[in-house]
Every structure is written in C-alpha cells, then in structure tokens.
C-alpha cells in the first residue's frame, strides 16, 4: 500500500466533482466549505474545471471528471484532493482513470458517499485513501459541529500518528 504524505498548513488541495454538480446548485454551501478549508486548516484551494460544473454537464462527461482526477494527481502543486460532494454514478469514471500515473504520484484523496467508488478503486490498486468529509458535506458545517470533529480530521490528515482508535 502506498501511503500519501500528510498535508501541512500552506499546502494546496485540489477540489473537484467526481460525481454530482452540487456546487453549481448550492454555491453558498460550497463557498463556505472552501473558506473553512482555508481558515481552519490553513490550506490553499485549487479548483479544477469540474468543481463548479452543472450536474447535467458532469453527468454527460464522465471522461472529463476522470481527466480532472488524473490532472490533480499529476499536478506537482497539489498535495491532496477533496471531493466537492458525493452524488451518484461515479462508477462511470473508472475506465478513464490513469491508475498507474495516479500511483506514481500518491496524494491524499478524501470524500465519501459516491466518492467511495473512486476511493475504493484506488485503494484496491494500492493507494491509501480517506473516507471523510467533502467540501459541501462536512467542511461547510465544520464551525457548527463539536470541535472534536475538526480536531479529528486535522489529526488524520495533518498529524503523524502510528495508529488511531
């Protein structure tokens, strides 16, 4: 298994939409999630083209969604990748993933819901992936959840530990 390097304050995370175009439907929620990534975790955000695409445009372009994932892994500026939101049918992106290139540039990949299709595929290929909050479902609500939530996410993504309970 390939373990990606941990994130550090100042690192850049890619935000993209491998499933649904939630940011185009609820931009205020999405923007709040981006602000929280920056202000609470000290991360820089690099939005990829699919991040704000409309749901129909994403649905009809599974290759474009995979292209963003491939590009985010190949981008030397990007240290981690966080899905904007879950959705449905991301299974359609799997044939377009360049798994060998992804494994050549291991990075944190996190999301849940339908993003689990992507994280599971890459986990099966040997990359340690993270089932955790997305920009719109988790990071956007971070300031309204118990402080332990943010602390736990920070420890998993940014603090070296040998094991977790």
C-alpha atoms as a PDB file:
ATOM      1  CA  UNK A   1       0.000   0.000   0.000  1.00  0.00           C
ATOM      2  CA  UNK A   2       1.228   3.488  -0.834  1.00  0.00           C
ATOM      3  CA  UNK A   3       0.730   5.985   1.947  1.00  0.00           C
ATOM      4  CA  UNK A   4       0.455   9.568   0.685  1.00  0.00           C
ATOM      5  CA  UNK A   5       2.330  12.326   2.516  1.00  0.00           C
ATOM      6  CA  UNK A   6       0.372  14.210   5.161  1.00  0.00           C
ATOM      7  CA  UNK A   7      -0.917  17.681   4.499  1.00  0.00           C
ATOM      8  CA  UNK A   8       0.716  20.723   6.092  1.00  0.00           C
ATOM      9  CA  UNK A   9      -0.595  24.245   6.541  1.00  0.00           C
ATOM     10  CA  UNK A  10       0.050  26.127   3.312  1.00  0.00           C
ATOM     11  CA  UNK A  11      -0.341  23.024   1.129  1.00  0.00           C
ATOM     12  CA  UNK A  12      -2.668  23.154  -1.866  1.00  0.00           C
ATOM     13  CA  UNK A  13      -5.634  20.823  -2.127  1.00  0.00           C
ATOM     14  CA  UNK A  14      -7.470  20.188  -5.372  1.00  0.00           C
ATOM     15  CA  UNK A  15     -11.242  20.395  -5.249  1.00  0.00           C
ATOM     16  CA  UNK A  16     -13.177  18.642  -7.991  1.00  0.00           C
ATOM     17  CA  UNK A  17     -16.532  16.981  -8.565  1.00  0.00           C
ATOM     18  CA  UNK A  18     -16.231  13.283  -9.441  1.00  0.00           C
ATOM     19  CA  UNK A  19     -19.985  12.719  -9.116  1.00  0.00           C
ATOM     20  CA  UNK A  20     -22.594  15.462  -8.812  1.00  0.00           C
ATOM     21  CA  UNK A  21     -22.505  19.190  -9.542  1.00  0.00           C
ATOM     22  CA  UNK A  22     -23.635  20.324  -6.097  1.00  0.00           C
ATOM     23  CA  UNK A  23     -21.505  23.484  -6.082  1.00  0.00           C
ATOM     24  CA  UNK A  24     -23.427  24.885  -9.056  1.00  0.00           C
ATOM     25  CA  UNK A  25     -26.752  24.226  -7.291  1.00  0.00           C
ATOM     26  CA  UNK A  26     -25.767  25.414  -3.800  1.00  0.00           C
ATOM     27  CA  UNK A  27     -22.830  27.789  -4.272  1.00  0.00           C
ATOM     28  CA  UNK A  28     -23.195  29.357  -0.814  1.00  0.00           C
ATOM     29  CA  UNK A  29     -22.639  25.982   0.882  1.00  0.00           C
ATOM     30  CA  UNK A  30     -19.697  25.214  -1.382  1.00  0.00           C
ATOM     31  CA  UNK A  31     -18.079  28.619  -0.773  1.00  0.00           C
ATOM     32  CA  UNK A  32     -18.402  28.141   2.982  1.00  0.00           C
ATOM     33  CA  UNK A  33     -16.631  24.784   2.722  1.00  0.00           C
ATOM     34  CA  UNK A  34     -13.793  26.367   0.745  1.00  0.00           C
ATOM     35  CA  UNK A  35     -13.425  29.177   3.290  1.00  0.00           C
ATOM     36  CA  UNK A  36     -13.278  26.654   6.131  1.00  0.00           C
ATOM     37  CA  UNK A  37     -10.571  24.621   4.389  1.00  0.00           C
ATOM     38  CA  UNK A  38      -8.529  27.794   4.146  1.00  0.00           C
ATOM     39  CA  UNK A  39      -9.262  29.401   7.530  1.00  0.00           C
ATOM     40  CA  UNK A  40      -9.493  26.338   9.802  1.00  0.00           C
ATOM     41  CA  UNK A  41      -6.822  24.166   8.192  1.00  0.00           C
ATOM     42  CA  UNK A  42      -4.548  26.720   6.546  1.00  0.00           C
ATOM     43  CA  UNK A  43      -4.854  25.000   3.184  1.00  0.00           C
ATOM     44  CA  UNK A  44      -4.869  26.629  -0.228  1.00  0.00           C
ATOM     45  CA  UNK A  45      -7.586  25.556  -2.623  1.00  0.00           C
ATOM     46  CA  UNK A  46      -7.130  24.920  -6.320  1.00  0.00           C
ATOM     47  CA  UNK A  47     -10.429  24.363  -8.066  1.00  0.00           C
ATOM     48  CA  UNK A  48     -10.368  22.063 -11.059  1.00  0.00           C
ATOM     49  CA  UNK A  49     -12.769  22.575 -14.002  1.00  0.00           C
ATOM     50  CA  UNK A  50     -15.366  20.069 -12.775  1.00  0.00           C
ATOM     51  CA  UNK A  51     -15.632  21.680  -9.348  1.00  0.00           C
ATOM     52  CA  UNK A  52     -18.448  24.075 -10.305  1.00  0.00           C
ATOM     53  CA  UNK A  53     -19.853  22.348 -13.386  1.00  0.00           C
ATOM     54  CA  UNK A  54     -23.596  21.893 -13.653  1.00  0.00           C
ATOM     55  CA  UNK A  55     -24.975  18.444 -12.795  1.00  0.00           C
ATOM     56  CA  UNK A  56     -26.042  17.660 -16.382  1.00  0.00           C
ATOM     57  CA  UNK A  57     -22.682  18.644 -17.821  1.00  0.00           C
ATOM     58  CA  UNK A  58     -20.913  16.390 -15.305  1.00  0.00           C
ATOM     59  CA  UNK A  59     -23.309  13.523 -15.896  1.00  0.00           C
ATOM     60  CA  UNK A  60     -22.735  13.513 -19.640  1.00  0.00           C
ATOM     61  CA  UNK A  61     -18.942  13.805 -19.307  1.00  0.00           C
ATOM     62  CA  UNK A  62     -17.510  11.000 -17.154  1.00  0.00           C
ATOM     63  CA  UNK A  63     -14.193  11.277 -19.014  1.00  0.00           C
ATOM     64  CA  UNK A  64     -13.912  14.970 -18.114  1.00  0.00           C
ATOM     65  CA  UNK A  65     -14.416  14.084 -14.448  1.00  0.00           C
ATOM     66  CA  UNK A  66     -11.705  11.424 -14.667  1.00  0.00           C
ATOM     67  CA  UNK A  67      -9.436  13.856 -16.508  1.00  0.00           C
ATOM     68  CA  UNK A  68      -9.663  16.226 -13.522  1.00  0.00           C
ATOM     69  CA  UNK A  69      -8.733  13.418 -11.139  1.00  0.00           C
ATOM     70  CA  UNK A  70      -5.799  12.376 -13.320  1.00  0.00           C
ATOM     71  CA  UNK A  71      -4.668  16.007 -13.631  1.00  0.00           C
ATOM     72  CA  UNK A  72      -4.922  16.642  -9.887  1.00  0.00           C
ATOM     73  CA  UNK A  73      -2.720  13.638  -9.113  1.00  0.00           C
ATOM     74  CA  UNK A  74      -0.197  14.720 -11.759  1.00  0.00           C
ATOM     75  CA  UNK A  75      -0.105  18.371 -10.611  1.00  0.00           C
ATOM     76  CA  UNK A  76       3.071  18.962  -8.536  1.00  0.00           C
ATOM     77  CA  UNK A  77       1.417  21.949  -6.828  1.00  0.00           C
ATOM     78  CA  UNK A  78      -1.365  19.745  -5.384  1.00  0.00           C
ATOM     79  CA  UNK A  79      -0.759  17.838  -2.131  1.00  0.00           C
ATOM     80  CA  UNK A  80      -4.253  16.435  -1.626  1.00  0.00           C
ATOM     81  CA  UNK A  81      -7.614  16.038  -3.339  1.00  0.00           C
ATOM     82  CA  UNK A  82     -11.009  16.585  -1.717  1.00  0.00           C
ATOM     83  CA  UNK A  83     -14.315  15.918  -3.449  1.00  0.00           C
ATOM     84  CA  UNK A  84     -16.801  18.780  -3.560  1.00  0.00           C
ATOM     85  CA  UNK A  85     -19.696  16.447  -2.678  1.00  0.00           C
ATOM     86  CA  UNK A  86     -20.867  12.900  -3.325  1.00  0.00           C
ATOM     87  CA  UNK A  87     -23.681  12.097  -5.720  1.00  0.00           C
ATOM     88  CA  UNK A  88     -24.276   9.083  -7.911  1.00  0.00           C
ATOM     89  CA  UNK A  89     -22.838   7.103 -10.805  1.00  0.00           C
ATOM     90  CA  UNK A  90     -19.152   7.916 -10.415  1.00  0.00           C
ATOM     91  CA  UNK A  91     -18.598   4.310 -11.429  1.00  0.00           C
ATOM     92  CA  UNK A  92     -18.678   5.662 -14.996  1.00  0.00           C
ATOM     93  CA  UNK A  93     -15.344   7.466 -14.467  1.00  0.00           C
ATOM     94  CA  UNK A  94     -13.375   4.345 -13.567  1.00  0.00           C
ATOM     95  CA  UNK A  95     -12.445   3.271 -17.143  1.00  0.00           C
ATOM     96  CA  UNK A  96     -10.871   6.696 -17.747  1.00  0.00           C
ATOM     97  CA  UNK A  97      -8.612   6.768 -14.688  1.00  0.00           C
ATOM     98  CA  UNK A  98      -4.872   6.511 -15.307  1.00  0.00           C
ATOM     99  CA  UNK A  99      -4.244   4.336 -12.269  1.00  0.00           C
ATOM    100  CA  UNK A 100      -0.526   3.855 -12.971  1.00  0.00           C
ATOM    101  CA  UNK A 101       0.030   7.629 -13.163  1.00  0.00           C
ATOM    102  CA  UNK A 102      -2.063   8.149 -10.025  1.00  0.00           C
ATOM    103  CA  UNK A 103       0.006   5.600  -8.105  1.00  0.00           C
ATOM    104  CA  UNK A 104       3.182   7.292  -9.340  1.00  0.00           C
ATOM    105  CA  UNK A 105       2.059  10.489  -7.522  1.00  0.00           C
ATOM    106  CA  UNK A 106       0.384   9.357  -4.289  1.00  0.00           C
ATOM    107  CA  UNK A 107      -1.689  12.082  -2.641  1.00  0.00           C
ATOM    108  CA  UNK A 108      -4.396  12.252  -0.045  1.00  0.00           C
ATOM    109  CA  UNK A 109      -7.763  11.607  -1.654  1.00  0.00           C
ATOM    110  CA  UNK A 110     -10.821  12.171   0.506  1.00  0.00           C
ATOM    111  CA  UNK A 111     -14.563  12.085   0.137  1.00  0.00           C
ATOM    112  CA  UNK A 112     -17.497   9.834   0.912  1.00  0.00           C
ATOM    113  CA  UNK A 113     -20.893   8.839  -0.412  1.00  0.00           C
ATOM    114  CA  UNK A 114     -20.483   8.195  -4.149  1.00  0.00           C
ATOM    115  CA  UNK A 115     -16.823   9.229  -3.967  1.00  0.00           C
ATOM    116  CA  UNK A 116     -16.343   5.856  -2.274  1.00  0.00           C
ATOM    117  CA  UNK A 117     -16.395   4.292  -5.749  1.00  0.00           C
ATOM    118  CA  UNK A 118     -13.241   6.248  -6.577  1.00  0.00           C
ATOM    119  CA  UNK A 119     -11.525   5.793  -3.214  1.00  0.00           C
ATOM    120  CA  UNK A 120     -12.286   2.058  -3.221  1.00  0.00           C
ATOM    121  CA  UNK A 121     -10.915   1.598  -6.751  1.00  0.00           C
ATOM    122  CA  UNK A 122      -7.678   3.380  -5.895  1.00  0.00           C
ATOM    123  CA  UNK A 123      -7.442   1.580  -2.568  1.00  0.00           C
ATOM    124  CA  UNK A 124      -7.710  -1.751  -4.411  1.00  0.00           C
ATOM    125  CA  UNK A 125      -4.871  -0.559  -6.640  1.00  0.00           C
ATOM    126  CA  UNK A 126      -2.697   0.115  -3.580  1.00  0.00           C
ATOM    127  CA  UNK A 127      -3.238   3.759  -2.574  1.00  0.00           C
ATOM    128  CA  UNK A 128      -4.322   4.545   0.976  1.00  0.00           C
ATOM    129  CA  UNK A 129      -7.420   6.746   0.610  1.00  0.00           C
ATOM    130  CA  UNK A 130      -9.618   8.558   3.127  1.00  0.00           C
ATOM    131  CA  UNK A 131     -13.337   8.218   3.749  1.00  0.00           C
ATOM    132  CA  UNK A 132     -14.133  11.600   5.237  1.00  0.00           C
ATOM    133  CA  UNK A 133     -15.846  14.927   4.791  1.00  0.00           C
ATOM    134  CA  UNK A 134     -16.351  16.586   1.435  1.00  0.00           C
ATOM    135  CA  UNK A 135     -16.278  20.323   0.872  1.00  0.00           C
ATOM    136  CA  UNK A 136     -20.064  20.694   0.969  1.00  0.00           C
ATOM    137  CA  UNK A 137     -20.872  17.936   3.464  1.00  0.00           C
ATOM    138  CA  UNK A 138     -18.506  18.284   6.392  1.00  0.00           C
ATOM    139  CA  UNK A 139     -16.160  21.180   5.773  1.00  0.00           C
ATOM    140  CA  UNK A 140     -19.032  23.621   5.168  1.00  0.00           C
ATOM    141  CA  UNK A 141     -20.576  22.696   8.543  1.00  0.00           C
ATOM    142  CA  UNK A 142     -17.278  22.475  10.442  1.00  0.00           C
ATOM    143  CA  UNK A 143     -17.814  25.567  12.641  1.00  0.00           C
ATOM    144  CA  UNK A 144     -21.230  24.269  13.733  1.00  0.00           C
ATOM    145  CA  UNK A 145     -20.092  20.810  14.789  1.00  0.00           C
ATOM    146  CA  UNK A 146     -18.365  19.840  18.034  1.00  0.00           C
ATOM    147  CA  UNK A 147     -14.709  20.973  17.983  1.00  0.00           C
ATOM    148  CA  UNK A 148     -13.626  17.333  18.183  1.00  0.00           C
ATOM    149  CA  UNK A 149     -14.769  16.872  14.574  1.00  0.00           C
ATOM    150  CA  UNK A 150     -12.265  19.376  13.186  1.00  0.00           C
ATOM    151  CA  UNK A 151      -9.584  18.093  15.555  1.00  0.00           C
ATOM    152  CA  UNK A 152     -10.084  14.539  14.353  1.00  0.00           C
ATOM    153  CA  UNK A 153      -9.987  15.496  10.667  1.00  0.00           C
ATOM    154  CA  UNK A 154      -6.848  17.558  11.288  1.00  0.00           C
ATOM    155  CA  UNK A 155      -5.141  14.705  13.130  1.00  0.00           C
ATOM    156  CA  UNK A 156      -5.929  12.191  10.371  1.00  0.00           C
ATOM    157  CA  UNK A 157      -4.792  14.434   7.533  1.00  0.00           C
ATOM    158  CA  UNK A 158      -2.026  16.506   9.104  1.00  0.00           C
ATOM    159  CA  UNK A 159      -0.540  14.993  12.263  1.00  0.00           C
ATOM    160  CA  UNK A 160       1.755  11.990  12.277  1.00  0.00           C
ATOM    161  CA  UNK A 161       0.496   9.121  14.430  1.00  0.00           C
ATOM    162  CA  UNK A 162       1.277   5.449  14.257  1.00  0.00           C
ATOM    163  CA  UNK A 163      -2.333   4.337  14.836  1.00  0.00           C
ATOM    164  CA  UNK A 164      -5.814   5.668  15.599  1.00  0.00           C
ATOM    165  CA  UNK A 165      -8.709   4.441  17.692  1.00  0.00           C
END
